[in-house]
Amino acid sequence: MSRIDELIAQHCPGGVPFKALGTLGKRNKGTVITAGRMKAIHEDDGEIKVFAGGQTTAKVRAGAVPDRDVVRVPSIIVKSRGHIGFAYYEQPFTHKSELWSYSITRPDINQKFVYYYLLTQIGALQELARANSVKLPQLGVGDTDGLRVPVPPLAVQQEIARVLDLFTELEAELEAELEAELEARRSQYTYYRDSLLSFKQNPQGVRWVPMGEVGTFQRGRRFTKEDVVPSGIPSIHYGEIYTRYGVHAREAISHVRADIATALRYAKRGDVVIAGVGETVEDVGKAVAWLGDEEVAFHDDCFVFRSEQDPTFIAYVMQTAAFHAQKDKHVARAKVKRLSGDGMAKITIPIPPLAEQRRIVAILDKFDVLVNDLSTGLPAEIKARRQQYEYYRDKLLTFEEAA
């Protein structure tokens, strides 16, 4: 029996109480600040960290944000938009007003324990966020305030937090080594892909043509979160293109109601489905070649590019630095980034003979599997490490609720 098992048997043999997260501590509101302002006031040696959605942060100096908005005790930040998650931070910080955080200072609560438990809930919260808003997954304050958290005796909380701190540190070291090797391979792959698609070594027979002269763009039609169902018409939502799809796909990840079939637009085999909206400039314009046998509905914030060219070749071209440099000129930089069909039509891409396109696709597909496929090589090993950690963490944090 482990030390944790002994503590549970000693202190809570009949289960543990669960309490709403919002009752455990203070919820902090954050500060009103834009991404542009964060970038403008960032200082590498700033003593206050500002959190935005995803992995976006900035460091600022005292006075750059209102002092009343700065939290100076260890807290848990809720990443409530887009990719749902949590961050634990012990130094002075604030966050965008769309986010919120919890400061738990009760003597009977170990805040790190609560943080680790919240990590086990990310999957369920991500699904809830998607149900709240299909366009941009988003949680509400009530979704986390009401989240029920197990509260075993403090000794149990402390021991679990200690063990997970140690395990997390070891896991991070191992992952860092694997990630460094994987990043080196990806850099090699990116360099090789961009060099291959620049056609500087073999320019014969290659035409450089605006996309609007190569094919046509068609915008999708709207469907909402209420239309999404477990089984129905295969569909592609713009957010899935830059978060869940690779360069090409044969099966759809999500589906919508069959009774709205006539109101939708469909991508056919050989089409390239493009995200017309994204949270960042890098996300917008991401493309996936549709190689499925059946047609797939696509969202109105997506475009289909239809041509006589190899669709996977086009999708690879749209990943290159040369393409992104041109795309950058046509992205509308509002709160949500947008790229129009007219803008994409002006971007010039290389068009070699079809046989050469397919030869290049065959080469790049092999490289793509080596560095991106989660079932092989280093990505698979990293994934296995994370799954092992998550399994162990989740098992430690599973409690029987007291009657």
Protein backbone atom coordinates (compact mmCIF):
# COMPACT_ATOMS: atom_id res chain seq x y z
CA MET A 1 0.00 0.00 0.00
CA SER A 2 1.36 3.43 -0.94
CA ARG A 3 1.66 6.40 1.38
CA ILE A 4 -1.35 8.00 -0.35
CA ASP A 5 -3.43 4.82 0.05
CA GLU A 6 -2.55 4.75 3.73
CA LEU A 7 -3.61 8.38 4.19
CA ILE A 8 -6.91 7.81 2.38
CA ALA A 9 -7.62 4.69 4.43
CA GLN A 10 -6.81 6.59 7.61
CA HIS A 11 -8.53 9.92 6.97
CA CYS A 12 -11.38 9.30 4.52
CA PRO A 13 -12.33 5.61 4.26
CA GLY A 14 -15.95 6.54 3.53
CA GLY A 15 -15.19 8.90 0.65
CA VAL A 16 -14.50 12.63 0.45
CA PRO A 17 -16.75 15.70 0.18
CA PHE A 18 -16.93 17.61 -3.12
CA LYS A 19 -17.27 21.39 -3.12
CA ALA A 20 -17.89 23.97 -5.85
CA LEU A 21 -14.67 25.61 -7.02
CA GLY A 22 -16.20 29.05 -6.64
CA THR A 23 -16.65 28.49 -2.91
CA LEU A 24 -12.99 27.62 -2.27
CA GLY A 25 -11.42 31.03 -2.82
CA LYS A 26 -11.53 34.42 -4.49
CA ARG A 27 -12.22 34.78 -8.22
CA ASN A 28 -10.13 37.52 -9.90
CA LYS A 29 -11.46 39.49 -12.87
CA GLY A 30 -8.29 40.54 -14.73
CA THR A 31 -7.61 43.70 -16.72
CA VAL A 32 -8.87 45.27 -19.95
CA ILE A 33 -6.02 44.92 -22.46
CA THR A 34 -5.67 44.04 -26.15
CA ALA A 35 -3.19 41.70 -27.78
CA GLY A 36 -1.61 44.70 -29.50
CA ARG A 37 -1.22 46.52 -26.20
CA MET A 38 0.34 43.43 -24.60
CA LYS A 39 2.89 43.28 -27.38
CA ALA A 40 3.63 47.01 -27.16
CA ILE A 41 4.31 47.08 -23.41
CA HIS A 42 6.15 43.74 -23.17
CA GLU A 43 9.52 43.88 -21.43
CA ASP A 44 11.69 40.77 -21.11
CA ASP A 45 12.55 41.69 -17.53
CA GLY A 46 9.04 42.79 -16.55
CA GLU A 47 8.01 41.63 -13.09
CA ILE A 48 4.30 41.20 -13.86
CA LYS A 49 3.10 38.46 -16.22
CA VAL A 50 0.00 39.04 -18.35
CA PHE A 51 -1.91 35.96 -19.53
CA ALA A 52 -4.10 35.83 -22.63
CA GLY A 53 -5.74 32.85 -24.34
CA GLY A 54 -3.76 29.78 -25.34
CA GLN A 55 -0.03 30.14 -24.69
CA THR A 56 0.04 33.91 -25.22
CA THR A 57 1.68 35.88 -22.40
CA ALA A 58 3.61 39.09 -21.90
CA LYS A 59 5.82 40.48 -19.17
CA VAL A 60 5.29 44.09 -18.13
CA ARG A 61 6.69 46.45 -15.56
CA ALA A 62 4.82 47.85 -12.59
CA GLY A 63 2.50 50.66 -13.65
CA ALA A 64 1.97 49.31 -17.16
CA VAL A 65 -1.36 47.83 -16.02
CA PRO A 66 -3.58 49.12 -13.18
CA ASP A 67 -2.21 47.96 -9.85
CA ARG A 68 -5.71 47.02 -8.69
CA ASP A 69 -5.77 44.36 -11.44
CA VAL A 70 -2.52 42.69 -10.36
CA VAL A 71 -2.80 39.47 -8.33
CA ARG A 72 0.10 38.96 -5.93
CA VAL A 73 -0.66 35.55 -4.44
CA PRO A 74 -0.32 32.08 -6.03
CA SER A 75 -3.36 31.44 -8.19
CA ILE A 76 -4.93 29.27 -10.87
CA ILE A 77 -5.61 31.01 -14.20
CA VAL A 78 -8.52 29.73 -16.30
CA LYS A 79 -7.84 29.70 -20.06
CA SER A 80 -11.51 30.02 -20.98
CA ARG A 81 -11.49 30.63 -24.75
CA GLY A 82 -10.40 28.53 -27.72
CA HIS A 83 -8.16 25.84 -26.24
CA ILE A 84 -9.39 25.40 -22.68
CA GLY A 85 -6.79 24.95 -19.96
CA PHE A 86 -5.34 26.09 -16.65
CA ALA A 87 -2.10 27.66 -15.50
CA TYR A 88 -0.67 27.77 -12.00
CA TYR A 89 1.38 30.88 -11.24
CA GLU A 90 3.02 32.09 -8.05
CA GLN A 91 4.47 35.49 -9.03
CA PRO A 92 2.57 38.80 -9.58
CA PHE A 93 0.31 38.53 -12.62
CA THR A 94 -2.86 39.65 -14.33
CA HIS A 95 -4.79 38.43 -17.35
CA LYS A 96 -7.12 39.69 -20.03
CA SER A 97 -10.58 40.54 -18.75
CA GLU A 98 -12.09 37.69 -20.82
CA LEU A 99 -10.24 35.25 -18.53
CA TRP A 100 -10.45 34.80 -14.79
CA SER A 101 -8.44 33.19 -12.02
CA TYR A 102 -8.87 31.72 -8.55
CA SER A 103 -6.78 32.53 -5.47
CA ILE A 104 -7.32 29.88 -2.79
CA THR A 105 -5.83 30.80 0.57
CA ARG A 106 -7.91 28.66 2.92
CA PRO A 107 -5.70 26.77 5.38
CA ASP A 108 -7.56 23.49 4.74
CA ILE A 109 -7.06 23.64 0.95
CA ASN A 110 -3.84 22.92 -0.95
CA GLN A 111 -4.17 25.07 -4.06
CA LYS A 112 -1.70 22.97 -6.06
CA PHE A 113 -3.90 19.93 -5.39
CA VAL A 114 -6.90 21.83 -6.79
CA TYR A 115 -4.87 22.82 -9.84
CA TYR A 116 -3.91 19.22 -10.56
CA TYR A 117 -7.51 18.13 -10.19
CA LEU A 118 -8.64 20.81 -12.64
CA LEU A 119 -6.20 19.44 -15.22
CA THR A 120 -8.18 16.19 -15.16
CA GLN A 121 -11.31 18.13 -16.16
CA ILE A 122 -9.94 19.85 -19.28
CA GLY A 123 -11.45 17.34 -21.72
CA ALA A 124 -14.96 17.72 -20.30
CA LEU A 125 -14.62 21.50 -20.13
CA GLN A 126 -13.41 21.67 -23.74
CA GLU A 127 -16.54 19.80 -24.84
CA LEU A 128 -18.67 22.15 -22.76
CA ALA A 129 -16.94 25.15 -24.33
CA ARG A 130 -17.67 23.81 -27.82
CA ALA A 131 -21.29 23.29 -26.86
CA ASN A 132 -21.44 26.88 -25.60
CA SER A 133 -20.02 28.31 -28.82
CA VAL A 134 -19.20 26.46 -32.05
CA LYS A 135 -17.51 29.49 -33.61
CA LEU A 136 -15.02 30.01 -30.77
CA PRO A 137 -15.21 27.48 -27.90
CA GLN A 138 -15.76 29.43 -24.70
CA LEU A 139 -16.51 28.82 -21.03
CA GLY A 140 -18.58 31.04 -18.78
CA VAL A 141 -17.70 31.96 -15.19
CA GLY A 142 -20.51 29.75 -13.95
CA ASP A 143 -18.99 26.73 -15.69
CA THR A 144 -15.96 26.82 -13.41
CA ASP A 145 -17.54 28.40 -10.33
CA GLY A 146 -19.90 25.45 -10.17
CA LEU A 147 -17.31 22.79 -10.97
CA ARG A 148 -17.28 20.28 -8.12
CA VAL A 149 -13.83 19.57 -6.68
CA PRO A 150 -12.96 16.76 -4.23
CA VAL A 151 -11.70 18.07 -0.90
CA PRO A 152 -10.02 15.24 1.03
CA PRO A 153 -8.21 15.98 4.30
CA LEU A 154 -5.27 18.36 3.94
CA ALA A 155 -2.67 15.62 4.54
CA VAL A 156 -4.00 13.71 1.51
CA GLN A 157 -4.03 16.85 -0.64
CA GLN A 158 -0.46 17.72 0.31
CA GLU A 159 0.91 14.25 -0.38
CA ILE A 160 -0.79 14.03 -3.79
CA ALA A 161 0.45 17.50 -4.72
CA ARG A 162 4.00 16.56 -3.61
CA VAL A 163 4.01 13.35 -5.65
CA LEU A 164 2.59 15.05 -8.75
CA ASP A 165 5.07 17.92 -8.44
CA LEU A 166 7.92 15.41 -8.50
CA PHE A 167 6.38 13.35 -11.30
CA THR A 168 5.69 16.49 -13.34
CA GLU A 169 9.28 17.65 -12.97
CA LEU A 170 10.69 14.31 -14.15
CA GLU A 171 8.16 14.13 -16.96
CA ALA A 172 9.05 17.64 -18.10
CA GLU A 173 12.75 16.77 -18.28
CA LEU A 174 12.11 13.67 -20.37
CA GLU A 175 9.67 15.46 -22.64
CA ALA A 176 12.06 18.38 -23.11
CA GLU A 177 14.71 16.01 -24.46
CA LEU A 178 12.25 14.36 -26.83
CA GLU A 179 10.73 17.68 -27.89
CA ALA A 180 14.19 19.10 -28.67
CA GLU A 181 14.95 16.17 -30.95
CA LEU A 182 11.52 16.38 -32.57
CA GLU A 183 11.87 20.13 -33.11
CA ALA A 184 15.20 19.56 -34.83
CA ARG A 185 13.56 17.06 -37.17
CA ARG A 186 10.65 19.39 -37.85
CA SER A 187 13.04 22.23 -38.67
CA GLN A 188 14.82 19.97 -41.13
CA TYR A 189 11.47 18.94 -42.60
CA THR A 190 10.27 22.55 -42.93
CA TYR A 191 13.52 23.60 -44.57
CA TYR A 192 13.40 20.68 -46.99
CA ARG A 193 9.70 21.21 -47.80
CA ASP A 194 10.14 24.94 -48.47
CA SER A 195 13.28 24.31 -50.54
CA LEU A 196 11.55 21.60 -52.55
CA LEU A 197 8.52 23.83 -53.20
CA SER A 198 10.59 26.89 -54.12
CA PHE A 199 11.65 25.14 -57.35
CA LYS A 200 14.93 27.07 -57.40
CA GLN A 201 16.82 23.85 -58.11
CA ASN A 202 14.47 22.69 -60.84
CA PRO A 203 12.44 25.57 -62.29
CA GLN A 204 11.77 23.89 -65.67
CA GLY A 205 8.10 23.49 -66.44
CA VAL A 206 6.96 25.40 -63.35
CA ARG A 207 4.50 28.27 -63.71
CA TRP A 208 3.92 30.83 -60.95
CA VAL A 209 0.25 31.71 -61.11
CA PRO A 210 -2.27 33.54 -58.85
CA MET A 211 -4.56 31.02 -57.18
CA GLY A 212 -7.56 32.72 -58.74
CA GLU A 213 -6.28 31.72 -62.18
CA VAL A 214 -5.59 28.14 -61.13
CA GLY A 215 -8.96 27.35 -59.59
CA THR A 216 -12.07 28.75 -57.95
CA PHE A 217 -12.99 29.65 -54.37
CA GLN A 218 -16.37 28.93 -52.83
CA ARG A 219 -17.47 29.91 -49.35
CA GLY A 220 -19.29 27.43 -47.13
CA ARG A 221 -22.66 27.82 -45.49
CA ARG A 222 -23.43 28.37 -41.86
CA PHE A 223 -24.19 25.71 -39.29
CA THR A 224 -24.30 26.28 -35.53
CA LYS A 225 -23.45 24.40 -32.36
CA GLU A 226 -27.07 23.23 -32.20
CA ASP A 227 -26.58 21.49 -35.55
CA VAL A 228 -23.60 19.40 -34.41
CA VAL A 229 -24.53 15.78 -33.67
CA PRO A 230 -22.59 12.57 -32.93
CA SER A 231 -23.68 10.99 -36.21
CA GLY A 232 -25.03 12.67 -39.33
CA ILE A 233 -23.61 14.58 -42.29
CA PRO A 234 -19.77 14.69 -42.26
CA SER A 235 -18.67 18.29 -41.70
CA ILE A 236 -15.59 20.47 -41.32
CA HIS A 237 -15.54 23.49 -39.02
CA TYR A 238 -12.85 26.12 -39.55
CA GLY A 239 -11.39 25.68 -36.05
CA GLU A 240 -10.82 21.98 -36.68
CA ILE A 241 -8.61 22.68 -39.68
CA TYR A 242 -5.82 24.28 -37.64
CA THR A 243 -6.31 22.23 -34.46
CA ARG A 244 -7.25 18.69 -35.48
CA TYR A 245 -6.57 18.07 -39.16
CA GLY A 246 -3.28 17.40 -40.93
CA VAL A 247 -2.39 18.12 -44.55
CA HIS A 248 -5.05 15.78 -45.92
CA ALA A 249 -8.02 13.81 -44.59
CA ARG A 250 -10.33 11.01 -45.70
CA GLU A 251 -12.75 11.08 -42.77
CA ALA A 252 -14.50 13.98 -41.07
CA ILE A 253 -14.02 14.60 -37.36
CA SER A 254 -17.51 15.99 -36.72
CA HIS A 255 -21.05 15.75 -38.11
CA VAL A 256 -24.16 17.92 -38.41
CA ARG A 257 -27.89 17.18 -38.55
CA ALA A 258 -29.14 15.39 -41.66
CA ASP A 259 -32.30 17.52 -41.87
CA ILE A 260 -30.28 20.63 -42.85
CA ALA A 261 -28.59 18.85 -45.77
CA THR A 262 -30.10 21.08 -48.47
CA ALA A 263 -28.96 24.25 -46.71
CA LEU A 264 -25.27 23.25 -46.72
CA ARG A 265 -22.38 23.42 -49.18
CA TYR A 266 -20.10 20.45 -49.75
CA ALA A 267 -16.47 19.80 -50.54
CA LYS A 268 -15.83 17.00 -53.03
CA ARG A 269 -12.93 14.61 -53.26
CA GLY A 270 -9.97 16.61 -54.55
CA ASP A 271 -11.05 19.93 -53.01
CA VAL A 272 -8.89 21.90 -50.59
CA VAL A 273 -10.80 23.19 -47.54
CA ILE A 274 -9.32 26.40 -46.11
CA ALA A 275 -9.92 28.13 -42.77
CA GLY A 276 -11.04 31.68 -43.53
CA VAL A 277 -11.03 32.70 -39.86
CA GLY A 278 -8.55 32.06 -37.06
CA GLU A 279 -7.40 33.24 -33.67
CA THR A 280 -3.96 34.08 -35.10
CA VAL A 281 -2.51 35.06 -38.47
CA GLU A 282 -0.80 31.65 -38.56
CA ASP A 283 -4.11 29.80 -38.11
CA VAL A 284 -6.05 31.59 -40.82
CA GLY A 285 -5.43 30.17 -44.29
CA LYS A 286 -4.56 26.70 -42.96
CA ALA A 287 -5.71 24.10 -45.48
CA VAL A 288 -6.63 20.43 -45.58
CA ALA A 289 -6.97 18.42 -48.80
CA TRP A 290 -10.20 16.43 -48.77
CA LEU A 291 -9.55 12.90 -50.08
CA GLY A 292 -12.66 11.22 -48.71
CA ASP A 293 -15.00 9.24 -50.94
CA GLU A 294 -18.09 11.09 -49.68
CA GLU A 295 -18.78 14.81 -49.80
CA VAL A 296 -18.26 16.82 -46.64
CA ALA A 297 -20.16 19.94 -45.53
CA PHE A 298 -17.99 22.95 -44.71
CA HIS A 299 -18.65 25.95 -42.46
CA ASP A 300 -19.28 29.47 -43.75
CA ASP A 301 -15.97 30.60 -42.25
CA CYS A 302 -14.23 28.16 -44.59
CA PHE A 303 -13.51 28.23 -48.30
CA VAL A 304 -13.15 25.42 -50.78
CA PHE A 305 -10.47 25.76 -53.45
CA ARG A 306 -11.34 23.64 -56.47
CA SER A 307 -8.86 23.05 -59.30
CA GLU A 308 -7.37 20.42 -61.60
CA GLN A 309 -4.20 20.32 -59.48
CA ASP A 310 -3.24 17.75 -56.88
CA PRO A 311 -5.08 18.93 -53.72
CA THR A 312 -2.41 17.67 -51.31
CA PHE A 313 0.26 19.50 -53.29
CA ILE A 314 -1.76 22.72 -52.93
CA ALA A 315 -2.16 22.13 -49.18
CA TYR A 316 1.60 21.66 -48.80
CA VAL A 317 2.30 24.83 -50.79
CA MET A 318 -0.02 26.70 -48.44
CA GLN A 319 2.22 25.70 -45.50
CA THR A 320 5.39 27.29 -46.89
CA ALA A 321 7.03 30.47 -45.66
CA ALA A 322 6.70 31.96 -49.16
CA PHE A 323 2.93 31.44 -49.09
CA HIS A 324 2.62 32.87 -45.56
CA ALA A 325 4.59 35.97 -46.55
CA GLN A 326 2.04 36.70 -49.29
CA LYS A 327 -0.96 35.70 -47.17
CA ASP A 328 0.15 38.09 -44.44
CA LYS A 329 -0.68 41.06 -46.69
CA HIS A 330 -4.32 39.99 -47.08
CA VAL A 331 -5.27 39.06 -43.49
CA ALA A 332 -7.71 41.42 -41.79
CA ARG A 333 -6.33 41.85 -38.25
CA ALA A 334 -9.38 42.36 -36.05
CA LYS A 335 -10.04 40.50 -32.80
CA VAL A 336 -10.58 37.43 -34.98
CA LYS A 337 -8.28 37.21 -38.01
CA ARG A 338 -9.96 36.88 -41.41
CA LEU A 339 -8.85 36.01 -44.92
CA SER A 340 -11.18 36.47 -47.90
CA GLY A 341 -11.47 34.43 -51.07
CA ASP A 342 -10.54 37.53 -53.06
CA GLY A 343 -7.38 37.92 -51.01
CA MET A 344 -6.36 34.30 -51.48
CA ALA A 345 -7.04 34.53 -55.21
CA LYS A 346 -4.20 37.06 -55.51
CA ILE A 347 -1.58 34.81 -53.88
CA THR A 348 0.87 33.37 -56.40
CA ILE A 349 1.75 29.67 -56.14
CA PRO A 350 4.02 27.34 -58.15
CA ILE A 351 2.32 24.96 -60.59
CA PRO A 352 4.61 22.21 -61.91
CA PRO A 353 3.29 19.40 -64.13
CA LEU A 354 0.80 17.11 -62.37
CA ALA A 355 3.22 14.17 -62.33
CA GLU A 356 5.82 16.32 -60.54
CA GLN A 357 3.19 17.48 -58.02
CA ARG A 358 2.40 13.87 -57.15
CA ARG A 359 6.09 12.95 -56.86
CA ILE A 360 6.62 15.80 -54.40
CA VAL A 361 3.52 14.84 -52.42
CA ALA A 362 4.80 11.27 -52.05
CA ILE A 363 8.12 12.57 -50.66
CA LEU A 364 6.54 15.09 -48.28
CA ASP A 365 3.96 12.62 -47.01
CA LYS A 366 6.79 10.37 -45.80
CA PHE A 367 8.48 13.28 -44.02
CA ASP A 368 5.16 14.43 -42.55
CA VAL A 369 4.53 11.00 -41.02
CA LEU A 370 7.99 10.98 -39.42
CA VAL A 371 7.56 14.31 -37.64
CA ASN A 372 3.80 14.71 -37.17
CA ASP A 373 2.12 11.30 -37.04
CA LEU A 374 1.11 10.52 -33.46
CA SER A 375 1.23 6.79 -34.14
CA THR A 376 4.92 6.58 -35.09
CA GLY A 377 8.36 7.78 -34.07
CA LEU A 378 9.05 10.59 -31.63
CA PRO A 379 5.51 12.03 -31.60
CA ALA A 380 4.25 8.60 -30.54
CA GLU A 381 6.81 8.38 -27.73
CA ILE A 382 5.94 11.87 -26.49
CA LYS A 383 2.24 11.03 -26.66
CA ALA A 384 2.84 7.81 -24.70
CA ARG A 385 4.74 9.72 -22.00
CA ARG A 386 1.89 12.22 -21.64
CA GLN A 387 -0.74 9.50 -21.53
CA GLN A 388 1.25 7.66 -18.88
CA TYR A 389 1.46 10.82 -16.77
CA GLU A 390 -2.22 11.68 -17.27
CA TYR A 391 -3.27 8.14 -16.36
CA TYR A 392 -1.24 8.24 -13.15
CA ARG A 393 -2.44 11.76 -12.29
CA ASP A 394 -6.09 10.93 -12.97
CA LYS A 395 -5.88 7.75 -10.89
CA LEU A 396 -4.44 9.68 -7.94
CA LEU A 397 -7.19 12.29 -8.24
CA THR A 398 -10.17 9.94 -8.49
CA PHE A 399 -12.14 9.84 -5.26
CA GLU A 400 -15.31 8.23 -4.06
CA GLU A 401 -17.70 10.94 -2.95
CA ALA A 402 -18.82 10.77 0.66
CA ALA A 403 -22.50 10.05 1.22
